[in-house]
PDB file of N, CA and C in Angstrom:
ATOM      1  N   UNK A   1       0.819  -1.189   0.000  1.00  0.00           N
ATOM      2  CA  UNK A   1       0.000   0.000   0.000  1.00  0.00           C
ATOM      3  C   UNK A   1       0.869   1.262   0.000  1.00  0.00           C
ATOM      4  N   UNK A   2       1.961   1.241   0.760  1.00  0.00           N
ATOM      5  CA  UNK A   2       2.830   2.421   0.813  1.00  0.00           C
ATOM      6  C   UNK A   2       3.464   2.705  -0.542  1.00  0.00           C
ATOM      7  N   UNK A   3       3.823   1.650  -1.237  1.00  0.00           N
ATOM      8  CA  UNK A   3       4.434   1.827  -2.550  1.00  0.00           C
ATOM      9  C   UNK A   3       3.451   2.491  -3.518  1.00  0.00           C
ATOM     10  N   UNK A   4       2.209   2.066  -3.479  1.00  0.00           N
ATOM     11  CA  UNK A   4       1.177   2.664  -4.342  1.00  0.00           C
ATOM     12  C   UNK A   4       0.975   4.130  -3.972  1.00  0.00           C
ATOM     13  N   UNK A   5       0.947   4.407  -2.677  1.00  0.00           N
ATOM     14  CA  UNK A   5       0.764   5.790  -2.225  1.00  0.00           C
ATOM     15  C   UNK A   5       1.939   6.667  -2.656  1.00  0.00           C
ATOM     16  N   UNK A   6       3.158   6.169  -2.525  1.00  0.00           N
ATOM     17  CA  UNK A   6       4.330   6.957  -2.915  1.00  0.00           C
ATOM     18  C   UNK A   6       4.359   7.217  -4.422  1.00  0.00           C
ATOM     19  N   UNK A   7       3.928   6.233  -5.214  1.00  0.00           N
ATOM     20  CA  UNK A   7       3.833   6.470  -6.662  1.00  0.00           C
ATOM     21  C   UNK A   7       2.824   7.574  -6.964  1.00  0.00           C
ATOM     22  N   UNK A   8       1.693   7.543  -6.256  1.00  0.00           N
ATOM     23  CA  UNK A   8       0.684   8.587  -6.434  1.00  0.00           C
ATOM     24  C   UNK A   8       1.217   9.949  -6.033  1.00  0.00           C
ATOM     25  N   UNK A   9       1.943  10.012  -4.932  1.00  0.00           N
ATOM     26  CA  UNK A   9       2.540  11.279  -4.499  1.00  0.00           C
ATOM     27  C   UNK A   9       3.556  11.788  -5.511  1.00  0.00           C
ATOM     28  N   UNK A  10       4.333  10.886  -6.091  1.00  0.00           N
ATOM     29  CA  UNK A  10       5.315  11.289  -7.093  1.00  0.00           C
ATOM     30  C   UNK A  10       4.629  11.955  -8.284  1.00  0.00           C
ATOM     31  N   UNK A  11       3.520  11.383  -8.728  1.00  0.00           N
ATOM     32  CA  UNK A  11       2.781  11.986  -9.843  1.00  0.00           C
ATOM     33  C   UNK A  11       2.266  13.370  -9.474  1.00  0.00           C
ATOM     34  N   UNK A  12       1.791  13.536  -8.244  1.00  0.00           N
ATOM     35  CA  UNK A  12       1.278  14.835  -7.803  1.00  0.00           C
ATOM     36  C   UNK A  12       2.413  15.850  -7.687  1.00  0.00           C
ATOM     37  N   UNK A  13       3.562  15.420  -7.172  1.00  0.00           N
ATOM     38  CA  UNK A  13       4.719  16.313  -7.054  1.00  0.00           C
ATOM     39  C   UNK A  13       5.197  16.744  -8.438  1.00  0.00           C
ATOM     40  N   UNK A  14       5.250  15.814  -9.374  1.00  0.00           N
ATOM     41  CA  UNK A  14       5.669  16.160 -10.731  1.00  0.00           C
ATOM     42  C   UNK A  14       4.708  17.141 -11.373  1.00  0.00           C
ATOM     43  N   UNK A  15       3.428  17.033 -11.066  1.00  0.00           N
ATOM     44  CA  UNK A  15       2.428  17.943 -11.617  1.00  0.00           C
ATOM     45  C   UNK A  15       2.519  19.318 -10.961  1.00  0.00           C
ATOM     46  N   UNK A  16       3.144  19.403  -9.810  1.00  0.00           N
ATOM     47  CA  UNK A  16       3.257  20.665  -9.084  1.00  0.00           C
ATOM     48  C   UNK A  16       4.056  21.700  -9.869  1.00  0.00           C
ATOM     49  N   UNK A  17       4.889  21.267 -10.785  1.00  0.00           N
ATOM     50  CA  UNK A  17       5.693  22.193 -11.583  1.00  0.00           C
ATOM     51  C   UNK A  17       4.817  23.140 -12.393  1.00  0.00           C
ATOM     52  N   UNK A  18       3.558  22.768 -12.615  1.00  0.00           N
ATOM     53  CA  UNK A  18       2.630  23.617 -13.369  1.00  0.00           C
ATOM     54  C   UNK A  18       2.067  24.760 -12.536  1.00  0.00           C
ATOM     55  N   UNK A  19       2.191  24.678 -11.216  1.00  0.00           N
ATOM     56  CA  UNK A  19       1.652  25.704 -10.325  1.00  0.00           C
ATOM     57  C   UNK A  19       2.671  26.814 -10.112  1.00  0.00           C
ATOM     58  N   UNK A  20       2.185  28.053 -10.077  1.00  0.00           N
ATOM     59  CA  UNK A  20       3.075  29.193  -9.838  1.00  0.00           C
ATOM     60  C   UNK A  20       3.392  29.319  -8.343  1.00  0.00           C
ATOM     61  N   UNK A  21       2.371  29.530  -7.543  1.00  0.00           N
ATOM     62  CA  UNK A  21       2.552  29.658  -6.091  1.00  0.00           C
ATOM     63  C   UNK A  21       1.452  28.844  -5.416  1.00  0.00           C
ATOM     64  N   UNK A  22       1.802  28.177  -4.339  1.00  0.00           N
ATOM     65  CA  UNK A  22       0.817  27.341  -3.647  1.00  0.00           C
ATOM     66  C   UNK A  22       0.910  27.553  -2.147  1.00  0.00           C
ATOM     67  N   UNK A  23      -0.201  27.300  -1.485  1.00  0.00           N
ATOM     68  CA  UNK A  23      -0.224  27.211  -0.031  1.00  0.00           C
ATOM     69  C   UNK A  23       0.275  25.798   0.285  1.00  0.00           C
ATOM     70  N   UNK A  24       1.500  25.692   0.763  1.00  0.00           N
ATOM     71  CA  UNK A  24       2.134  24.388   0.915  1.00  0.00           C
ATOM     72  C   UNK A  24       1.351  23.470   1.839  1.00  0.00           C
ATOM     73  N   UNK A  25       0.825  23.990   2.947  1.00  0.00           N
ATOM     74  CA  UNK A  25       0.074  23.171   3.885  1.00  0.00           C
ATOM     75  C   UNK A  25      -1.170  22.591   3.217  1.00  0.00           C
ATOM     76  N   UNK A  26      -1.927  23.407   2.505  1.00  0.00           N
ATOM     77  CA  UNK A  26      -3.136  22.930   1.814  1.00  0.00           C
ATOM     78  C   UNK A  26      -2.767  21.948   0.708  1.00  0.00           C
ATOM     79  N   UNK A  27      -1.703  22.257  -0.033  1.00  0.00           N
ATOM     80  CA  UNK A  27      -1.283  21.371  -1.113  1.00  0.00           C
ATOM     81  C   UNK A  27      -0.872  20.009  -0.566  1.00  0.00           C
ATOM     82  N   UNK A  28      -0.090  20.000   0.520  1.00  0.00           N
ATOM     83  CA  UNK A  28       0.387  18.756   1.104  1.00  0.00           C
ATOM     84  C   UNK A  28      -0.767  17.923   1.641  1.00  0.00           C
ATOM     85  N   UNK A  29      -1.707  18.560   2.324  1.00  0.00           N
ATOM     86  CA  UNK A  29      -2.877  17.853   2.849  1.00  0.00           C
ATOM     87  C   UNK A  29      -3.660  17.212   1.698  1.00  0.00           C
ATOM     88  N   UNK A  30      -3.850  17.977   0.617  1.00  0.00           N
ATOM     89  CA  UNK A  30      -4.583  17.459  -0.533  1.00  0.00           C
ATOM     90  C   UNK A  30      -3.820  16.304  -1.194  1.00  0.00           C
ATOM     91  N   UNK A  31      -2.523  16.457  -1.376  1.00  0.00           N
ATOM     92  CA  UNK A  31      -1.720  15.419  -2.024  1.00  0.00           C
ATOM     93  C   UNK A  31      -1.760  14.114  -1.233  1.00  0.00           C
ATOM     94  N   UNK A  32      -1.622  14.197   0.075  1.00  0.00           N
ATOM     95  CA  UNK A  32      -1.640  12.989   0.901  1.00  0.00           C
ATOM     96  C   UNK A  32      -3.029  12.370   0.914  1.00  0.00           C
ATOM     97  N   UNK A  33      -4.064  13.200   0.929  1.00  0.00           N
ATOM     98  CA  UNK A  33      -5.431  12.675   0.883  1.00  0.00           C
ATOM     99  C   UNK A  33      -5.683  11.903  -0.402  1.00  0.00           C
ATOM    100  N   UNK A  34      -5.305  12.488  -1.534  1.00  0.00           N
ATOM    101  CA  UNK A  34      -5.522  11.830  -2.825  1.00  0.00           C
ATOM    102  C   UNK A  34      -4.702  10.548  -2.925  1.00  0.00           C
ATOM    103  N   UNK A  35      -3.428  10.611  -2.571  1.00  0.00           N
ATOM    104  CA  UNK A  35      -2.554   9.444  -2.697  1.00  0.00           C
ATOM    105  C   UNK A  35      -2.993   8.314  -1.763  1.00  0.00           C
ATOM    106  N   UNK A  36      -3.343   8.636  -0.529  1.00  0.00           N
ATOM    107  CA  UNK A  36      -3.747   7.578   0.404  1.00  0.00           C
ATOM    108  C   UNK A  36      -5.113   7.005   0.040  1.00  0.00           C
ATOM    109  N   UNK A  37      -6.017   7.848  -0.453  1.00  0.00           N
ATOM    110  CA  UNK A  37      -7.331   7.345  -0.877  1.00  0.00           C
ATOM    111  C   UNK A  37      -7.189   6.411  -2.063  1.00  0.00           C
ATOM    112  N   UNK A  38      -6.383   6.804  -3.052  1.00  0.00           N
ATOM    113  CA  UNK A  38      -6.163   5.943  -4.215  1.00  0.00           C
ATOM    114  C   UNK A  38      -5.494   4.629  -3.813  1.00  0.00           C
ATOM    115  N   UNK A  39      -4.553   4.691  -2.875  1.00  0.00           N
ATOM    116  CA  UNK A  39      -3.865   3.480  -2.440  1.00  0.00           C
ATOM    117  C   UNK A  39      -4.802   2.553  -1.675  1.00  0.00           C
ATOM    118  N   UNK A  40      -5.699   3.107  -0.904  1.00  0.00           N
ATOM    119  CA  UNK A  40      -6.602   2.309  -0.088  1.00  0.00           C
ATOM    120  C   UNK A  40      -7.773   1.750  -0.884  1.00  0.00           C
ATOM    121  N   UNK A  41      -8.422   2.623  -1.644  1.00  0.00           N
ATOM    122  CA  UNK A  41      -9.654   2.227  -2.318  1.00  0.00           C
ATOM    123  C   UNK A  41      -9.479   1.875  -3.788  1.00  0.00           C
ATOM    124  N   UNK A  42      -8.353   2.186  -4.372  1.00  0.00           N
ATOM    125  CA  UNK A  42      -8.173   1.996  -5.803  1.00  0.00           C
ATOM    126  C   UNK A  42      -8.545   3.284  -6.534  1.00  0.00           C
ATOM    127  N   UNK A  43      -8.387   3.283  -7.836  1.00  0.00           N
ATOM    128  CA  UNK A  43      -8.582   4.508  -8.607  1.00  0.00           C
ATOM    129  C   UNK A  43     -10.035   4.813  -8.954  1.00  0.00           C
ATOM    130  N   UNK A  44     -10.953   3.895  -8.716  1.00  0.00           N
ATOM    131  CA  UNK A  44     -12.347   4.150  -9.085  1.00  0.00           C
ATOM    132  C   UNK A  44     -13.047   5.135  -8.155  1.00  0.00           C
ATOM    133  N   UNK A  45     -12.540   5.304  -6.943  1.00  0.00           N
ATOM    134  CA  UNK A  45     -13.166   6.236  -6.009  1.00  0.00           C
ATOM    135  C   UNK A  45     -12.549   7.610  -6.169  1.00  0.00           C
ATOM    136  N   UNK A  46     -13.369   8.589  -6.467  1.00  0.00           N
ATOM    137  CA  UNK A  46     -12.903   9.974  -6.601  1.00  0.00           C
ATOM    138  C   UNK A  46     -13.268  10.728  -5.331  1.00  0.00           C
ATOM    139  N   UNK A  47     -12.291  11.427  -4.763  1.00  0.00           N
ATOM    140  CA  UNK A  47     -12.508  12.164  -3.514  1.00  0.00           C
ATOM    141  C   UNK A  47     -13.423  13.353  -3.702  1.00  0.00           C
ATOM    142  N   UNK A  48     -13.875  13.900  -2.572  1.00  0.00           N
ATOM    143  CA  UNK A  48     -14.743  15.064  -2.597  1.00  0.00           C
ATOM    144  C   UNK A  48     -14.023  16.350  -2.943  1.00  0.00           C
ATOM    145  N   UNK A  49     -12.720  16.356  -2.951  1.00  0.00           N
ATOM    146  CA  UNK A  49     -11.971  17.534  -3.341  1.00  0.00           C
ATOM    147  C   UNK A  49     -11.552  18.394  -2.172  1.00  0.00           C
ATOM    148  N   UNK A  50     -10.925  19.499  -2.505  1.00  0.00           N
ATOM    149  CA  UNK A  50     -10.358  20.370  -1.476  1.00  0.00           C
ATOM    150  C   UNK A  50     -11.414  21.053  -0.623  1.00  0.00           C
ATOM    151  N   UNK A  51     -12.568  21.319  -1.193  1.00  0.00           N
ATOM    152  CA  UNK A  51     -13.618  21.973  -0.409  1.00  0.00           C
ATOM    153  C   UNK A  51     -14.019  21.118   0.787  1.00  0.00           C
ATOM    154  N   UNK A  52     -14.127  19.836   0.584  1.00  0.00           N
ATOM    155  CA  UNK A  52     -14.482  18.938   1.676  1.00  0.00           C
ATOM    156  C   UNK A  52     -13.342  18.851   2.685  1.00  0.00           C
ATOM    157  N   UNK A  53     -12.119  18.811   2.216  1.00  0.00           N
ATOM    158  CA  UNK A  53     -10.965  18.737   3.117  1.00  0.00           C
ATOM    159  C   UNK A  53     -10.879  19.963   4.023  1.00  0.00           C
ATOM    160  N   UNK A  54     -11.111  21.146   3.443  1.00  0.00           N
ATOM    161  CA  UNK A  54     -10.948  22.394   4.196  1.00  0.00           C
ATOM    162  C   UNK A  54     -11.992  22.568   5.283  1.00  0.00           C
ATOM    163  N   UNK A  55     -13.226  22.205   5.008  1.00  0.00           N
ATOM    164  CA  UNK A  55     -14.319  22.582   5.909  1.00  0.00           C
ATOM    165  C   UNK A  55     -15.082  21.398   6.477  1.00  0.00           C
ATOM    166  N   UNK A  56     -14.432  20.256   6.592  1.00  0.00           N
ATOM    167  CA  UNK A  56     -15.124  19.082   7.099  1.00  0.00           C
ATOM    168  C   UNK A  56     -15.606  19.303   8.543  1.00  0.00           C
ATOM    169  N   UNK A  57     -14.943  20.139   9.303  1.00  0.00           N
ATOM    170  CA  UNK A  57     -15.371  20.414  10.684  1.00  0.00           C
ATOM    171  C   UNK A  57     -16.763  21.024  10.718  1.00  0.00           C
ATOM    172  N   UNK A  58     -17.102  21.809   9.701  1.00  0.00           N
ATOM    173  CA  UNK A  58     -18.444  22.389   9.651  1.00  0.00           C
ATOM    174  C   UNK A  58     -19.502  21.308   9.450  1.00  0.00           C
ATOM    175  N   UNK A  59     -19.154  20.256   8.735  1.00  0.00           N
ATOM    176  CA  UNK A  59     -20.093  19.138   8.583  1.00  0.00           C
ATOM    177  C   UNK A  59     -20.206  18.345   9.875  1.00  0.00           C
ATOM    178  N   UNK A  60     -19.071  18.149  10.531  1.00  0.00           N
ATOM    179  CA  UNK A  60     -19.069  17.355  11.753  1.00  0.00           C
ATOM    180  C   UNK A  60     -19.839  18.034  12.877  1.00  0.00           C
ATOM    181  N   UNK A  61     -19.904  19.356  12.852  1.00  0.00           N
ATOM    182  CA  UNK A  61     -20.680  20.073  13.870  1.00  0.00           C
ATOM    183  C   UNK A  61     -22.161  19.731  13.737  1.00  0.00           C
ATOM    184  N   UNK A  62     -22.594  19.380  12.526  1.00  0.00           N
ATOM    185  CA  UNK A  62     -23.950  18.927  12.233  1.00  0.00           C
ATOM    186  C   UNK A  62     -25.022  19.932  12.666  1.00  0.00           C
ATOM    187  N   UNK A  63     -24.720  21.214  12.466  1.00  0.00           N
ATOM    188  CA  UNK A  63     -25.691  22.274  12.739  1.00  0.00           C
ATOM    189  C   UNK A  63     -26.044  22.892  11.391  1.00  0.00           C
ATOM    190  N   UNK A  64     -27.150  22.457  10.819  1.00  0.00           N
ATOM    191  CA  UNK A  64     -27.609  22.855   9.482  1.00  0.00           C
ATOM    192  C   UNK A  64     -26.434  23.092   8.519  1.00  0.00           C
ATOM    193  N   UNK A  65     -25.656  22.039   8.246  1.00  0.00           N
ATOM    194  CA  UNK A  65     -24.466  22.209   7.409  1.00  0.00           C
ATOM    195  C   UNK A  65     -24.795  22.704   6.003  1.00  0.00           C
ATOM    196  N   UNK A  66     -25.962  22.369   5.476  1.00  0.00           N
ATOM    197  CA  UNK A  66     -26.331  22.832   4.141  1.00  0.00           C
ATOM    198  C   UNK A  66     -26.536  24.333   4.105  1.00  0.00           C
ATOM    199  N   UNK A  67     -26.718  24.943   5.289  1.00  0.00           N
ATOM    200  CA  UNK A  67     -26.920  26.382   5.383  1.00  0.00           C
ATOM    201  C   UNK A  67     -25.620  27.125   5.697  1.00  0.00           C
ATOM    202  N   UNK A  68     -24.826  26.592   6.631  1.00  0.00           N
ATOM    203  CA  UNK A  68     -23.609  27.303   7.031  1.00  0.00           C
ATOM    204  C   UNK A  68     -22.400  26.953   6.165  1.00  0.00           C
ATOM    205  N   UNK A  69     -22.467  25.832   5.432  1.00  0.00           N
ATOM    206  CA  UNK A  69     -21.344  25.435   4.578  1.00  0.00           C
ATOM    207  C   UNK A  69     -21.881  24.761   3.315  1.00  0.00           C
ATOM    208  N   UNK A  70     -22.563  25.511   2.459  1.00  0.00           N
ATOM    209  CA  UNK A  70     -23.188  24.877   1.291  1.00  0.00           C
ATOM    210  C   UNK A  70     -22.199  24.222   0.329  1.00  0.00           C
ATOM    211  N   UNK A  71     -21.020  24.810   0.133  1.00  0.00           N
ATOM    212  CA  UNK A  71     -20.046  24.200  -0.771  1.00  0.00           C
ATOM    213  C   UNK A  71     -19.549  22.865  -0.221  1.00  0.00           C
ATOM    214  N   UNK A  72     -19.312  22.834   1.084  1.00  0.00           N
ATOM    215  CA  UNK A  72     -18.861  21.612   1.728  1.00  0.00           C
ATOM    216  C   UNK A  72     -19.965  20.562   1.706  1.00  0.00           C
ATOM    217  N   UNK A  73     -21.183  20.985   1.927  1.00  0.00           N
ATOM    218  CA  UNK A  73     -22.327  20.075   1.883  1.00  0.00           C
ATOM    219  C   UNK A  73     -22.451  19.449   0.491  1.00  0.00           C
ATOM    220  N   UNK A  74     -22.284  20.262  -0.542  1.00  0.00           N
ATOM    221  CA  UNK A  74     -22.342  19.745  -1.912  1.00  0.00           C
ATOM    222  C   UNK A  74     -21.189  18.785  -2.192  1.00  0.00           C
ATOM    223  N   UNK A  75     -20.007  19.102  -1.679  1.00  0.00           N
ATOM    224  CA  UNK A  75     -18.858  18.205  -1.847  1.00  0.00           C
ATOM    225  C   UNK A  75     -19.123  16.870  -1.146  1.00  0.00           C
ATOM    226  N   UNK A  76     -19.780  16.914  -0.004  1.00  0.00           N
ATOM    227  CA  UNK A  76     -20.129  15.699   0.731  1.00  0.00           C
ATOM    228  C   UNK A  76     -21.105  14.847  -0.083  1.00  0.00           C
ATOM    229  N   UNK A  77     -22.083  15.493  -0.704  1.00  0.00           N
ATOM    230  CA  UNK A  77     -23.042  14.761  -1.536  1.00  0.00           C
ATOM    231  C   UNK A  77     -22.340  14.124  -2.735  1.00  0.00           C
ATOM    232  N   UNK A  78     -21.378  14.832  -3.324  1.00  0.00           N
ATOM    233  CA  UNK A  78     -20.608  14.274  -4.443  1.00  0.00           C
ATOM    234  C   UNK A  78     -19.817  13.049  -3.980  1.00  0.00           C
ATOM    235  N   UNK A  79     -19.221  13.138  -2.794  1.00  0.00           N
ATOM    236  CA  UNK A  79     -18.455  12.013  -2.261  1.00  0.00           C
ATOM    237  C   UNK A  79     -19.366  10.815  -1.987  1.00  0.00           C
ATOM    238  N   UNK A  80     -20.540  11.051  -1.450  1.00  0.00           N
ATOM    239  CA  UNK A  80     -21.483   9.953  -1.197  1.00  0.00           C
ATOM    240  C   UNK A  80     -21.892   9.273  -2.500  1.00  0.00           C
ATOM    241  N   UNK A  81     -22.146  10.059  -3.538  1.00  0.00           N
ATOM    242  CA  UNK A  81     -22.480   9.495  -4.852  1.00  0.00           C
ATOM    243  C   UNK A  81     -21.297   8.709  -5.417  1.00  0.00           C
ATOM    244  N   UNK A  82     -20.076   9.221  -5.183  1.00  0.00           N
ATOM    245  CA  UNK A  82     -18.877   8.523  -5.666  1.00  0.00           C
ATOM    246  C   UNK A  82     -18.733   7.167  -4.973  1.00  0.00           C
ATOM    247  N   UNK A  83     -19.033   7.102  -3.672  1.00  0.00           N
ATOM    248  CA  UNK A  83     -18.972   5.822  -2.971  1.00  0.00           C
ATOM    249  C   UNK A  83     -20.013   4.848  -3.508  1.00  0.00           C
ATOM    250  N   UNK A  84     -21.194   5.341  -3.821  1.00  0.00           N
ATOM    251  CA  UNK A  84     -22.226   4.468  -4.386  1.00  0.00           C
ATOM    252  C   UNK A  84     -21.753   3.894  -5.717  1.00  0.00           C
ATOM    253  N   UNK A  85     -21.214   4.755  -6.595  1.00  0.00           N
ATOM    254  CA  UNK A  85     -20.690   4.279  -7.881  1.00  0.00           C
ATOM    255  C   UNK A  85     -19.545   3.291  -7.678  1.00  0.00           C
ATOM    256  N   UNK A  86     -18.690   3.591  -6.707  1.00  0.00           N
ATOM    257  CA  UNK A  86     -17.539   2.739  -6.396  1.00  0.00           C
ATOM    258  C   UNK A  86     -17.992   1.325  -6.054  1.00  0.00           C
ATOM    259  N   UNK A  87     -19.001   1.208  -5.201  1.00  0.00           N
ATOM    260  CA  UNK A  87     -19.476  -0.119  -4.819  1.00  0.00           C
ATOM    261  C   UNK A  87     -20.274  -0.777  -5.938  1.00  0.00           C
ATOM    262  N   UNK A  88     -21.024   0.013  -6.694  1.00  0.00           N
ATOM    263  CA  UNK A  88     -21.759  -0.552  -7.832  1.00  0.00           C
ATOM    264  C   UNK A  88     -20.814  -1.144  -8.867  1.00  0.00           C
ATOM    265  N   UNK A  89     -19.661  -0.496  -9.067  1.00  0.00           N
ATOM    266  CA  UNK A  89     -18.666  -0.958 -10.044  1.00  0.00           C
ATOM    267  C   UNK A  89     -17.666  -1.957  -9.454  1.00  0.00           C
ATOM    268  N   UNK A  90     -17.882  -2.322  -8.194  1.00  0.00           N
ATOM    269  CA  UNK A  90     -17.016  -3.266  -7.480  1.00  0.00           C
ATOM    270  C   UNK A  90     -15.568  -2.763  -7.413  1.00  0.00           C
ATOM    271  N   UNK A  91     -15.406  -1.467  -7.193  1.00  0.00           N
ATOM    272  CA  UNK A  91     -14.079  -0.879  -7.110  1.00  0.00           C
ATOM    273  C   UNK A  91     -13.256  -1.397  -5.948  1.00  0.00           C
ATOM    274  N   UNK A  92     -13.929  -1.921  -4.929  1.00  0.00           N
ATOM    275  CA  UNK A  92     -13.216  -2.458  -3.773  1.00  0.00           C
ATOM    276  C   UNK A  92     -12.321  -3.627  -4.146  1.00  0.00           C
ATOM    277  N   UNK A  93     -12.562  -4.244  -5.290  1.00  0.00           N
ATOM    278  CA  UNK A  93     -11.711  -5.367  -5.711  1.00  0.00           C
ATOM    279  C   UNK A  93     -10.313  -4.881  -6.118  1.00  0.00           C
ATOM    280  N   UNK A  94     -10.198  -3.565  -6.453  1.00  0.00           N
ATOM    281  CA  UNK A  94      -8.914  -2.988  -6.841  1.00  0.00           C
ATOM    282  C   UNK A  94      -8.181  -2.349  -5.660  1.00  0.00           C
ATOM    283  N   UNK A  95      -8.873  -2.190  -4.541  1.00  0.00           N
ATOM    284  CA  UNK A  95      -8.277  -1.547  -3.367  1.00  0.00           C
ATOM    285  C   UNK A  95      -7.355  -2.489  -2.611  1.00  0.00           C
ATOM    286  N   UNK A  96      -6.697  -1.930  -1.589  1.00  0.00           N
ATOM    287  CA  UNK A  96      -5.766  -2.775  -0.825  1.00  0.00           C
ATOM    288  C   UNK A  96      -6.431  -3.394   0.370  1.00  0.00           C
TER     289      UNK A  96
END
């Protein structure tokens, strides 16, 4: 699993050359999330993206999240749909 994750990180690092300036902390969190998710679940599962990563605490508070964090709420719905597709396509067979 670590080898798969490191290969994924290498691809993300190589793609970083296209960026002019980045928030390193946000970039690193996103890179590790994508690489570890791909290593764990396989490539069929697509993550909710940076919006979900940044504001997941607003969802966890569970106080009308669709009102106080609509972008995060939408990202959560996209992730839930992605998990449904993942299981429908038997993506777990490609995971670790």
